[in-house]
Protein backbone atom coordinates (compact mmCIF):
# COMPACT_ATOMS: atom_id res chain seq x y z
CA MET A 1 112.35 179.75 92.05
CA THR A 2 110.85 182.62 94.25
CA LYS A 3 111.18 182.37 97.85
CA ILE A 4 108.26 182.79 100.18
CA VAL A 5 108.88 185.80 102.52
CA ARG A 6 105.70 187.24 103.34
CA ARG A 7 102.06 185.51 103.27
CA ILE A 8 100.54 184.64 100.28
CA VAL A 9 96.81 183.87 100.24
CA ARG A 10 95.39 181.93 97.36
CA GLU A 11 91.73 180.48 96.67
CA THR A 12 91.67 177.00 95.12
CA ALA A 13 89.24 175.44 92.72
CA VAL A 14 88.41 172.59 95.45
CA MET A 15 85.02 172.91 97.05
CA GLU A 16 84.36 171.55 100.71
CA ARG A 17 80.95 172.13 102.24
CA GLY A 18 80.07 174.30 99.42
CA LYS A 19 82.86 176.56 100.03
CA PRO A 20 86.19 177.10 98.30
CA LEU A 21 89.31 176.12 100.11
CA VAL A 22 91.85 178.83 100.78
CA LEU A 23 95.65 178.19 101.32
CA GLU A 24 97.98 180.61 103.22
CA LEU A 25 101.28 180.18 102.17
CA HIS A 26 103.99 181.22 104.95
CA PRO A 27 108.01 180.81 105.15
CA GLY A 28 107.54 178.01 107.87
CA GLY A 29 104.58 176.04 106.38
CA LEU A 30 100.91 176.71 105.35
CA ILE A 31 97.38 177.09 106.43
CA VAL A 32 94.40 175.49 105.17
CA ARG A 33 90.88 176.99 105.59
CA LEU A 34 87.61 177.41 104.23
CA LYS A 35 86.59 180.69 102.63
CA SER A 36 84.69 182.85 104.88
CA THR A 37 85.36 180.79 108.00
CA ARG A 38 87.86 181.39 110.97
CA GLN A 39 88.73 177.62 111.51
CA ARG A 40 92.39 177.19 110.17
CA TRP A 41 94.56 174.01 109.93
CA PRO A 42 98.40 174.62 109.94
CA ILE A 43 100.81 172.21 108.46
CA SER A 44 104.48 172.29 108.10
CA TYR A 45 105.91 171.86 104.67
CA GLU A 46 107.95 169.30 106.21
CA SER A 47 104.92 167.15 107.05
CA ILE A 48 103.35 167.34 103.42
CA LEU A 49 106.73 166.06 102.02
CA TRP A 50 106.37 163.08 104.27
CA LEU A 51 102.65 162.60 103.51
CA ALA A 52 103.59 162.48 100.05
CA VAL A 53 106.40 160.02 100.39
CA LYS A 54 103.90 157.89 102.37
CA VAL A 55 101.37 158.25 99.61
CA ALA A 56 103.83 157.31 96.74
CA ALA A 57 105.31 154.25 98.86
CA GLU A 58 101.69 153.01 99.45
CA GLU A 59 100.95 153.22 95.82
CA GLN A 60 103.85 150.98 94.77
CA ARG A 61 103.17 148.52 97.44
CA ALA A 62 99.87 148.19 95.91
CA GLU A 63 101.32 147.84 92.38
CA ARG A 64 103.43 145.31 93.62
CA MET A 65 100.71 143.33 95.23
CA THR A 66 98.49 143.51 92.03
CA LYS A 67 101.62 142.21 89.82
CA ARG A 68 101.95 139.25 92.23
CA LYS A 69 98.32 138.32 92.37
CA ARG A 70 98.44 138.37 88.80
CA ARG A 71 101.52 136.03 88.71
CA HIS A 72 99.80 133.14 90.83
């Protein structure tokens, strides 16, 4: 796996308000912004990990509830 040692900028296929979403990868986190705008939203990699864990846990919880409702 390649380590991030400098800024890497990538334009995504996701469109928001008619503009593509741009990700700037940095060694300590990433910055999300819309193309051609100055507003930026930094987020740490740790925050991304915890959000992914929370989403997965919520999906598992919803799946368990669905199974319980089918049993009763």
